[in-house]
Amino acid sequence: MPKSLRSPRQVLLQALLIEARKGKGLTQADVAGALGKPQSYVAKYENGERRLDVVELIDITMVLNISVADVLYRLQMLPH
């Protein structure tokens, strides 16, 4: 299966992370600071310019105080 930055699952992941961040009242800079990364890191995964690996996703969900299991469950419900 080819990797795509525009697959339905990737787009949903971006939307879920943006929704969680905004729902917590956090800016991209807030999340980036908590991760020890530049603001552009958050902007790139939110805009679909870069993919996240599993460890990065776990770190981000911890900062956002959301369940990585819930995020993965929602992603697995979409067809390949």
N, C-alpha and C. Protein backbone atom coordinates (compact mmCIF):
# COMPACT_ATOMS: atom_id res chain seq x y z
N MET A 1 0.85 -1.18 0.00
CA MET A 1 0.00 0.00 0.00
C MET A 1 0.89 1.24 0.00
N PRO A 2 0.76 2.13 -0.97
CA PRO A 2 1.61 3.32 -1.03
C PRO A 2 1.26 4.31 0.08
N LYS A 3 2.29 5.00 0.57
CA LYS A 3 2.08 6.04 1.57
C LYS A 3 1.61 7.30 0.87
N SER A 4 0.67 7.99 1.50
CA SER A 4 0.18 9.22 0.92
C SER A 4 -0.07 10.24 2.01
N LEU A 5 0.28 11.47 1.72
CA LEU A 5 0.00 12.56 2.64
C LEU A 5 -1.44 13.04 2.51
N ARG A 6 -2.16 12.52 1.55
CA ARG A 6 -3.54 12.96 1.31
C ARG A 6 -4.55 11.81 1.39
N SER A 7 -4.15 10.70 1.99
CA SER A 7 -5.08 9.58 2.14
C SER A 7 -6.20 9.98 3.10
N PRO A 8 -7.35 9.33 3.02
CA PRO A 8 -8.44 9.66 3.94
C PRO A 8 -8.02 9.53 5.41
N ARG A 9 -7.24 8.52 5.74
CA ARG A 9 -6.81 8.36 7.12
C ARG A 9 -5.86 9.47 7.55
N GLN A 10 -4.98 9.87 6.67
CA GLN A 10 -4.05 10.96 7.00
C GLN A 10 -4.81 12.26 7.21
N VAL A 11 -5.77 12.54 6.34
CA VAL A 11 -6.57 13.76 6.46
C VAL A 11 -7.38 13.74 7.76
N LEU A 12 -7.94 12.57 8.11
CA LEU A 12 -8.68 12.45 9.36
C LEU A 12 -7.75 12.66 10.56
N LEU A 13 -6.58 12.08 10.53
CA LEU A 13 -5.63 12.27 11.63
C LEU A 13 -5.32 13.75 11.82
N GLN A 14 -5.05 14.44 10.74
CA GLN A 14 -4.79 15.88 10.83
C GLN A 14 -5.98 16.59 11.49
N ALA A 15 -7.18 16.27 11.04
CA ALA A 15 -8.37 16.93 11.57
C ALA A 15 -8.56 16.63 13.06
N LEU A 16 -8.33 15.39 13.46
CA LEU A 16 -8.48 15.02 14.87
C LEU A 16 -7.49 15.76 15.76
N LEU A 17 -6.26 15.88 15.29
CA LEU A 17 -5.24 16.57 16.09
C LEU A 17 -5.50 18.07 16.15
N ILE A 18 -5.95 18.65 15.06
CA ILE A 18 -6.28 20.08 15.06
C ILE A 18 -7.47 20.34 15.99
N GLU A 19 -8.49 19.51 15.88
CA GLU A 19 -9.68 19.65 16.72
C GLU A 19 -9.32 19.55 18.20
N ALA A 20 -8.48 18.58 18.54
CA ALA A 20 -8.08 18.40 19.94
C ALA A 20 -7.29 19.61 20.43
N ARG A 21 -6.37 20.07 19.61
CA ARG A 21 -5.54 21.23 20.00
C ARG A 21 -6.40 22.45 20.24
N LYS A 22 -7.27 22.75 19.28
CA LYS A 22 -8.13 23.92 19.40
C LYS A 22 -9.12 23.76 20.55
N GLY A 23 -9.61 22.55 20.75
CA GLY A 23 -10.54 22.28 21.84
C GLY A 23 -9.93 22.52 23.21
N LYS A 24 -8.63 22.38 23.31
CA LYS A 24 -7.91 22.63 24.56
C LYS A 24 -7.47 24.09 24.67
N GLY A 25 -7.77 24.88 23.62
CA GLY A 25 -7.38 26.29 23.63
C GLY A 25 -5.88 26.50 23.46
N LEU A 26 -5.22 25.56 22.79
CA LEU A 26 -3.78 25.64 22.59
C LEU A 26 -3.44 26.14 21.19
N THR A 27 -2.36 26.86 21.08
CA THR A 27 -1.85 27.27 19.78
C THR A 27 -0.85 26.23 19.30
N GLN A 28 -0.49 26.32 18.03
CA GLN A 28 0.57 25.45 17.52
C GLN A 28 1.86 25.66 18.31
N ALA A 29 2.13 26.89 18.66
CA ALA A 29 3.34 27.21 19.42
C ALA A 29 3.30 26.57 20.81
N ASP A 30 2.12 26.52 21.44
CA ASP A 30 1.99 25.89 22.75
C ASP A 30 2.35 24.40 22.65
N VAL A 31 1.78 23.72 21.66
CA VAL A 31 2.03 22.29 21.49
C VAL A 31 3.50 22.05 21.16
N ALA A 32 4.02 22.84 20.25
CA ALA A 32 5.43 22.70 19.87
C ALA A 32 6.35 22.90 21.07
N GLY A 33 6.06 23.90 21.88
CA GLY A 33 6.89 24.15 23.06
C GLY A 33 6.87 22.97 24.02
N ALA A 34 5.70 22.38 24.22
CA ALA A 34 5.58 21.22 25.11
C ALA A 34 6.33 20.01 24.56
N LEU A 35 6.46 19.95 23.24
CA LEU A 35 7.17 18.85 22.59
C LEU A 35 8.66 19.13 22.43
N GLY A 36 9.06 20.36 22.70
CA GLY A 36 10.46 20.74 22.48
C GLY A 36 10.81 20.85 21.01
N LYS A 37 9.83 21.26 20.22
CA LYS A 37 10.00 21.38 18.76
C LYS A 37 9.65 22.80 18.33
N PRO A 38 10.05 23.19 17.12
CA PRO A 38 9.64 24.49 16.61
C PRO A 38 8.16 24.46 16.20
N GLN A 39 7.55 25.61 16.15
CA GLN A 39 6.13 25.72 15.76
C GLN A 39 5.91 25.14 14.38
N SER A 40 6.89 25.22 13.51
CA SER A 40 6.75 24.70 12.14
C SER A 40 6.53 23.19 12.13
N TYR A 41 7.02 22.48 13.14
CA TYR A 41 6.81 21.03 13.25
C TYR A 41 5.31 20.74 13.33
N VAL A 42 4.61 21.46 14.20
CA VAL A 42 3.16 21.27 14.34
C VAL A 42 2.45 21.71 13.08
N ALA A 43 2.84 22.84 12.53
CA ALA A 43 2.21 23.33 11.30
C ALA A 43 2.33 22.31 10.17
N LYS A 44 3.48 21.67 10.06
CA LYS A 44 3.70 20.72 8.96
C LYS A 44 2.85 19.48 9.10
N TYR A 45 2.69 18.92 10.31
CA TYR A 45 1.83 17.74 10.39
C TYR A 45 0.36 18.13 10.33
N GLU A 46 0.01 19.30 10.80
CA GLU A 46 -1.39 19.73 10.70
C GLU A 46 -1.78 20.07 9.26
N ASN A 47 -0.84 20.55 8.48
CA ASN A 47 -1.11 20.92 7.09
C ASN A 47 -0.88 19.77 6.12
N GLY A 48 -0.46 18.63 6.63
CA GLY A 48 -0.26 17.47 5.77
C GLY A 48 1.05 17.48 5.01
N GLU A 49 2.01 18.27 5.46
CA GLU A 49 3.30 18.32 4.79
C GLU A 49 4.26 17.25 5.30
N ARG A 50 3.92 16.64 6.44
CA ARG A 50 4.75 15.57 6.98
C ARG A 50 3.89 14.56 7.70
N ARG A 51 4.35 13.32 7.70
CA ARG A 51 3.67 12.24 8.41
C ARG A 51 4.29 12.09 9.80
N LEU A 52 3.50 11.52 10.69
CA LEU A 52 3.98 11.27 12.05
C LEU A 52 4.28 9.79 12.21
N ASP A 53 5.32 9.48 12.97
CA ASP A 53 5.52 8.08 13.32
C ASP A 53 4.75 7.82 14.63
N VAL A 54 4.70 6.57 15.04
CA VAL A 54 3.90 6.19 16.20
C VAL A 54 4.37 6.88 17.47
N VAL A 55 5.67 6.96 17.66
CA VAL A 55 6.20 7.60 18.86
C VAL A 55 5.83 9.08 18.89
N GLU A 56 5.94 9.75 17.75
CA GLU A 56 5.55 11.16 17.68
C GLU A 56 4.06 11.32 17.98
N LEU A 57 3.23 10.44 17.44
CA LEU A 57 1.79 10.51 17.68
C LEU A 57 1.50 10.35 19.18
N ILE A 58 2.16 9.41 19.82
CA ILE A 58 1.97 9.22 21.26
C ILE A 58 2.35 10.48 22.03
N ASP A 59 3.49 11.07 21.68
CA ASP A 59 3.94 12.30 22.35
C ASP A 59 2.91 13.42 22.17
N ILE A 60 2.40 13.56 20.97
CA ILE A 60 1.43 14.63 20.69
C ILE A 60 0.14 14.39 21.46
N THR A 61 -0.35 13.16 21.46
CA THR A 61 -1.60 12.89 22.19
C THR A 61 -1.41 13.11 23.69
N MET A 62 -0.23 12.84 24.20
CA MET A 62 0.03 13.10 25.62
C MET A 62 -0.03 14.60 25.91
N VAL A 63 0.55 15.41 25.03
CA VAL A 63 0.51 16.86 25.21
C VAL A 63 -0.94 17.36 25.14
N LEU A 64 -1.72 16.78 24.22
CA LEU A 64 -3.11 17.20 24.03
C LEU A 64 -4.06 16.56 25.05
N ASN A 65 -3.52 15.64 25.85
CA ASN A 65 -4.31 14.93 26.86
C ASN A 65 -5.51 14.22 26.23
N ILE A 66 -5.23 13.50 25.13
CA ILE A 66 -6.24 12.68 24.49
C ILE A 66 -5.69 11.26 24.38
N SER A 67 -6.57 10.32 24.20
CA SER A 67 -6.17 8.92 24.13
C SER A 67 -5.67 8.56 22.73
N VAL A 68 -4.45 8.06 22.66
CA VAL A 68 -3.93 7.59 21.38
C VAL A 68 -4.78 6.42 20.89
N ALA A 69 -5.28 5.61 21.80
CA ALA A 69 -6.13 4.47 21.41
C ALA A 69 -7.41 4.96 20.73
N ASP A 70 -8.00 6.03 21.24
CA ASP A 70 -9.20 6.57 20.61
C ASP A 70 -8.91 7.11 19.21
N VAL A 71 -7.78 7.78 19.07
CA VAL A 71 -7.38 8.30 17.76
C VAL A 71 -7.19 7.15 16.78
N LEU A 72 -6.47 6.12 17.20
CA LEU A 72 -6.22 4.97 16.32
C LEU A 72 -7.50 4.23 15.98
N TYR A 73 -8.41 4.12 16.92
CA TYR A 73 -9.69 3.47 16.68
C TYR A 73 -10.45 4.21 15.58
N ARG A 74 -10.49 5.52 15.69
CA ARG A 74 -11.20 6.30 14.66
C ARG A 74 -10.55 6.16 13.29
N LEU A 75 -9.23 6.08 13.27
CA LEU A 75 -8.53 5.93 12.00
C LEU A 75 -8.77 4.55 11.38
N GLN A 76 -8.84 3.52 12.20
CA GLN A 76 -9.03 2.18 11.66
C GLN A 76 -10.43 1.96 11.11
N MET A 77 -11.36 2.83 11.47
CA MET A 77 -12.73 2.67 10.98
C MET A 77 -12.88 3.10 9.52
N LEU A 78 -11.91 3.85 9.01
CA LEU A 78 -11.96 4.27 7.60
C LEU A 78 -11.41 3.14 6.73
N PRO A 79 -11.95 3.00 5.53
CA PRO A 79 -11.40 1.99 4.61
C PRO A 79 -9.98 2.38 4.19
N HIS A 80 -9.22 1.38 3.75
CA HIS A 80 -7.82 1.64 3.33
C HIS A 80 -7.82 2.65 2.26
